Amino acid sequence: MERGEVLVRLNRFLSLSGVASRRKADQLILEGRVKVNGMTVKELGWRIDPKKDVVEVDGRVVKIQKFRYIALYKPCCYLTALGVSKEGKRTIQELLKDIPERLYPAGRLDYNAEGLLILTNDGELANRIMHPRYKLPKTYQVLVKGEVSQKTLEAMKAGAQLEDGFAKPLSVRVIKHEEGNTLLELVFTEGRKHIVKRFTAHFGHKVLRLKRTAIGPIKLGKLSPGKWRDLSKEEIMALKKAVKMVS
């Protein structure tokens, strides 16, 4: 090896390129979709020199890119998707037209839900935000139909058996009662499909409006619907610490 030559594992290179998380990069390698200098590589643990070697995924040359991290306020009635919707619905792609990088949402929000989304081209971080192993708390303000009694609130704190398993919020509290309905704050560390809606429905309270206000240490803050901002260095570091990317 020449002096100054720095080798990195191929799966890490693909993660740094924003292609996929390391785990998914391993899958791409095993499927024979990755080439190094024109040769298909199926061996995990393969190392490359990013300055000299040419890496392709599905025939497209990939390079290490500068990472970007943004917080987006997804409005109601937008799909958490990139590109054009087959159903003709609006997607968050319309809100990202002035961002040159190809960013991907680290998680989802339902079409009728609103609030915080984190988007990035850092595949490793995105995977950890979404993976249940890291138990990253997501905070929601939920307006539900009817007045939630103290008895029901205590039952919610204890959790409930849903059709796909037991669900228990990290915390739940009443923010206020308004016009016969109740505004709750719920914090979950898992992201099962429609978990907030299904959880409150279990107790007889239909969701009327759902807004995610925080993902781990990242807060929605004063962002307006449809607007985005870059995360600060301090926020990025706090987020990485929350998912154990740094100590």
Protein backbone atom coordinates (compact mmCIF):
# COMPACT_ATOMS: atom_id res chain seq x y z
CA MET A 1 0.00 0.00 0.00
CA GLU A 2 1.38 3.39 -0.98
CA ARG A 3 2.04 6.03 1.65
CA GLY A 4 -1.03 8.19 2.19
CA GLU A 5 -3.40 5.61 0.69
CA VAL A 6 -6.56 5.31 2.78
CA LEU A 7 -8.77 2.27 2.29
CA VAL A 8 -12.38 2.10 3.44
CA ARG A 9 -14.81 -0.78 3.51
CA LEU A 10 -17.05 -0.87 0.47
CA ASN A 11 -20.26 -0.82 2.51
CA ARG A 12 -19.07 2.28 4.38
CA PHE A 13 -18.18 3.96 1.10
CA LEU A 14 -21.70 3.28 -0.20
CA SER A 15 -23.14 4.71 3.01
CA LEU A 16 -20.97 7.82 2.73
CA SER A 17 -22.15 8.14 -0.86
CA GLY A 18 -25.76 8.30 0.29
CA VAL A 19 -26.65 5.11 -1.58
CA ALA A 20 -27.81 3.09 1.41
CA SER A 21 -27.10 2.26 5.03
CA ARG A 22 -24.22 -0.14 5.63
CA ARG A 23 -26.60 -3.04 6.19
CA LYS A 24 -28.48 -2.37 2.96
CA ALA A 25 -25.16 -1.78 1.18
CA ASP A 26 -24.12 -5.31 2.20
CA GLN A 27 -27.31 -6.58 0.59
CA LEU A 28 -26.54 -4.69 -2.64
CA ILE A 29 -23.07 -6.26 -2.66
CA LEU A 30 -24.38 -9.78 -2.09
CA GLU A 31 -26.94 -9.28 -4.89
CA GLY A 32 -24.10 -8.50 -7.32
CA ARG A 33 -25.27 -4.95 -7.99
CA VAL A 34 -21.95 -3.31 -7.09
CA LYS A 35 -18.86 -3.09 -9.28
CA VAL A 36 -15.36 -1.84 -8.45
CA ASN A 37 -13.26 -0.85 -11.45
CA GLY A 38 -15.63 -2.76 -13.72
CA MET A 39 -15.53 -5.96 -11.68
CA THR A 40 -18.58 -7.23 -9.79
CA VAL A 41 -17.81 -7.57 -6.08
CA LYS A 42 -19.82 -9.97 -3.94
CA GLU A 43 -17.41 -10.24 -1.03
CA LEU A 44 -18.36 -8.44 2.19
CA GLY A 45 -15.46 -6.62 3.81
CA TRP A 46 -13.97 -5.54 0.47
CA ARG A 47 -11.90 -2.36 0.82
CA ILE A 48 -11.37 0.38 -1.73
CA ASP A 49 -9.40 3.58 -2.23
CA PRO A 50 -12.04 6.29 -2.75
CA LYS A 51 -9.52 8.50 -4.58
CA LYS A 52 -8.55 5.87 -7.17
CA ASP A 53 -11.23 3.20 -7.45
CA VAL A 54 -14.40 3.61 -9.52
CA VAL A 55 -17.51 2.23 -7.82
CA GLU A 56 -20.79 1.58 -9.64
CA VAL A 57 -24.20 0.59 -8.30
CA ASP A 58 -26.63 -0.71 -10.92
CA GLY A 59 -24.38 0.80 -13.59
CA ARG A 60 -24.25 4.27 -12.01
CA VAL A 61 -20.97 5.67 -10.75
CA VAL A 62 -21.23 6.81 -7.13
CA LYS A 63 -18.96 9.10 -5.16
CA ILE A 64 -18.69 10.25 -1.58
CA GLN A 65 -20.82 13.33 -1.24
CA LYS A 66 -21.18 16.11 1.26
CA PHE A 67 -23.96 15.29 3.66
CA ARG A 68 -26.87 17.60 4.24
CA TYR A 69 -29.52 17.45 6.95
CA ILE A 70 -32.75 19.44 6.90
CA ALA A 71 -35.92 19.71 8.96
CA LEU A 72 -39.12 20.04 6.94
CA TYR A 73 -42.61 20.93 8.14
CA LYS A 74 -44.75 18.59 6.07
CA PRO A 75 -48.21 20.12 5.69
CA CYS A 76 -51.38 18.10 5.75
CA CYS A 77 -52.36 16.43 2.49
CA TYR A 78 -48.86 15.84 1.12
CA LEU A 79 -47.41 12.38 0.55
CA THR A 80 -44.08 11.61 2.17
CA ALA A 81 -42.65 10.65 -1.19
CA LEU A 82 -40.25 11.92 -3.82
CA GLY A 83 -41.24 12.33 -7.44
CA VAL A 84 -44.73 12.37 -8.89
CA SER A 85 -47.62 10.57 -7.22
CA LYS A 86 -49.49 8.03 -9.36
CA GLU A 87 -52.71 9.17 -7.68
CA GLY A 88 -52.04 12.79 -8.60
CA LYS A 89 -51.59 13.82 -4.96
CA ARG A 90 -49.04 16.40 -3.94
CA THR A 91 -45.71 15.11 -2.61
CA ILE A 92 -42.99 16.67 -0.47
CA GLN A 93 -40.85 16.84 -3.63
CA GLU A 94 -42.74 20.04 -4.48
CA LEU A 95 -41.42 21.61 -1.27
CA LEU A 96 -37.77 20.76 -2.01
CA LYS A 97 -37.34 22.31 -5.46
CA ASP A 98 -34.61 24.72 -4.35
CA ILE A 99 -32.45 21.98 -2.78
CA PRO A 100 -29.82 20.68 -5.25
CA GLU A 101 -28.95 17.54 -3.29
CA ARG A 102 -30.98 14.36 -3.54
CA LEU A 103 -32.33 14.02 0.00
CA TYR A 104 -34.45 11.22 1.41
CA PRO A 105 -36.96 11.30 4.28
CA ALA A 106 -35.77 9.47 7.41
CA GLY A 107 -39.23 8.17 8.25
CA ARG A 108 -42.75 8.95 7.15
CA LEU A 109 -45.87 10.87 8.05
CA ASP A 110 -49.35 9.91 6.91
CA TYR A 111 -50.97 11.89 4.10
CA ASN A 112 -53.36 13.62 6.52
CA ALA A 113 -50.72 14.15 9.20
CA GLU A 114 -48.41 17.14 9.46
CA GLY A 115 -45.24 18.14 11.20
CA LEU A 116 -41.55 17.36 11.39
CA LEU A 117 -39.67 15.29 8.84
CA ILE A 118 -35.90 14.94 8.74
CA LEU A 119 -34.40 14.58 5.27
CA THR A 120 -30.79 13.71 4.52
CA ASN A 121 -28.43 11.98 2.11
CA ASP A 122 -26.64 10.34 5.05
CA GLY A 123 -27.90 6.78 4.64
CA GLU A 124 -26.43 5.49 7.89
CA LEU A 125 -28.05 8.17 10.03
CA ALA A 126 -31.39 7.86 8.20
CA ASN A 127 -31.43 4.13 8.86
CA ARG A 128 -30.74 4.61 12.57
CA ILE A 129 -33.47 7.24 12.91
CA MET A 130 -35.97 4.75 11.51
CA HIS A 131 -34.68 1.55 13.12
CA PRO A 132 -36.63 0.46 16.23
CA ARG A 133 -33.39 -0.76 17.83
CA TYR A 134 -32.36 2.80 18.70
CA LYS A 135 -35.71 3.75 20.29
CA LEU A 136 -35.55 7.36 19.11
CA PRO A 137 -38.56 9.15 20.64
CA LYS A 138 -41.03 10.89 18.33
CA THR A 139 -43.33 13.48 19.88
CA TYR A 140 -46.85 14.15 18.58
CA GLN A 141 -49.57 16.65 19.35
CA VAL A 142 -52.84 14.83 18.72
CA LEU A 143 -56.32 16.33 18.73
CA VAL A 144 -58.76 13.52 19.48
CA LYS A 145 -62.54 13.44 19.45
CA GLY A 146 -64.17 13.65 22.86
CA GLU A 147 -62.83 14.44 26.30
CA VAL A 148 -60.16 12.07 27.56
CA SER A 149 -60.88 11.28 31.18
CA GLN A 150 -58.24 10.85 33.87
CA LYS A 151 -59.08 7.14 33.99
CA THR A 152 -58.52 6.79 30.25
CA LEU A 153 -55.31 8.79 30.47
CA GLU A 154 -53.94 6.40 33.10
CA ALA A 155 -54.94 3.45 30.92
CA MET A 156 -53.11 5.02 27.97
CA LYS A 157 -49.98 5.37 30.09
CA ALA A 158 -50.16 1.64 30.84
CA GLY A 159 -50.31 0.78 27.14
CA ALA A 160 -52.63 -1.30 24.97
CA GLN A 161 -52.65 -4.54 23.02
CA LEU A 162 -53.09 -3.68 19.33
CA GLU A 163 -53.59 -6.15 16.49
CA ASP A 164 -49.84 -6.18 15.76
CA GLY A 165 -48.59 -6.27 19.34
CA PHE A 166 -48.42 -4.32 22.57
CA ALA A 167 -47.97 -0.56 22.30
CA LYS A 168 -46.97 1.73 25.14
CA PRO A 169 -46.09 5.40 24.78
CA LEU A 170 -43.00 6.74 26.49
CA SER A 171 -45.27 9.45 27.84
CA VAL A 172 -48.77 10.83 27.35
CA ARG A 173 -50.39 13.95 28.76
CA VAL A 174 -53.38 16.21 28.20
CA ILE A 175 -52.36 19.61 26.85
CA LYS A 176 -55.87 21.03 26.95
CA HIS A 177 -59.55 20.37 26.32
CA GLU A 178 -61.14 22.38 23.53
CA GLU A 179 -64.75 22.41 22.32
CA GLY A 180 -65.47 18.94 23.68
CA ASN A 181 -62.30 17.43 22.23
CA THR A 182 -58.84 16.83 23.74
CA LEU A 183 -55.38 17.86 22.65
CA LEU A 184 -52.85 15.23 23.75
CA GLU A 185 -49.09 14.97 23.61
CA LEU A 186 -47.89 11.43 22.96
CA VAL A 187 -44.30 10.22 22.70
CA PHE A 188 -43.53 6.88 21.02
CA THR A 189 -40.17 5.22 20.46
CA GLU A 190 -41.45 3.02 17.65
CA GLY A 191 -42.85 3.76 14.23
CA ARG A 192 -45.38 1.05 13.45
CA LYS A 193 -47.84 2.07 10.75
CA HIS A 194 -50.61 4.37 12.04
CA ILE A 195 -49.58 3.58 15.61
CA VAL A 196 -50.81 6.88 17.06
CA LYS A 197 -54.19 6.67 15.34
CA ARG A 198 -54.67 3.03 16.23
CA PHE A 199 -53.58 3.59 19.82
CA THR A 200 -56.04 6.41 20.57
CA ALA A 201 -58.81 4.60 18.66
CA HIS A 202 -58.31 1.63 20.99
CA PHE A 203 -59.51 3.90 23.79
CA GLY A 204 -62.45 5.21 21.79
CA HIS A 205 -60.90 8.50 20.70
CA LYS A 206 -60.59 9.14 16.96
CA VAL A 207 -57.73 11.34 15.77
CA LEU A 208 -58.96 14.61 14.29
CA ARG A 209 -55.54 16.19 13.74
CA LEU A 210 -52.02 14.84 14.15
CA LYS A 211 -48.79 16.85 14.18
CA ARG A 212 -45.29 15.55 14.91
CA THR A 213 -43.39 18.17 16.87
CA ALA A 214 -40.08 16.45 17.57
CA ILE A 215 -37.82 13.59 16.48
CA GLY A 216 -35.37 12.90 19.27
CA PRO A 217 -33.56 16.16 20.03
CA ILE A 218 -34.77 17.86 16.84
CA LYS A 219 -37.75 20.18 17.38
CA LEU A 220 -40.23 21.51 14.84
CA GLY A 221 -39.98 24.87 16.56
CA LYS A 222 -41.30 27.88 14.66
CA LEU A 223 -41.13 26.36 11.18
CA SER A 224 -44.18 27.15 9.05
CA PRO A 225 -46.04 24.48 7.06
CA GLY A 226 -44.20 23.74 3.81
CA LYS A 227 -40.95 25.38 4.95
CA TRP A 228 -37.60 23.79 5.76
CA ARG A 229 -34.31 24.67 7.42
CA ASP A 230 -30.82 23.15 7.66
CA LEU A 231 -30.01 21.49 10.95
CA SER A 232 -27.27 23.18 12.95
CA LYS A 233 -23.99 21.40 13.73
CA GLU A 234 -25.14 21.11 17.33
CA GLU A 235 -28.43 19.49 16.28
CA ILE A 236 -26.66 17.03 13.97
CA MET A 237 -24.28 16.01 16.74
CA ALA A 238 -27.14 15.64 19.23
CA LEU A 239 -29.08 13.50 16.76
CA LYS A 240 -26.06 11.27 16.10
CA LYS A 241 -25.53 10.85 19.83
CA ALA A 242 -29.19 9.91 20.27
CA VAL A 243 -28.80 7.02 17.79
CA LYS A 244 -25.31 6.07 19.05
CA MET A 245 -23.37 7.06 15.93
CA VAL A 246 -21.02 9.02 18.17
CA SER A 247 -20.32 8.71 21.88
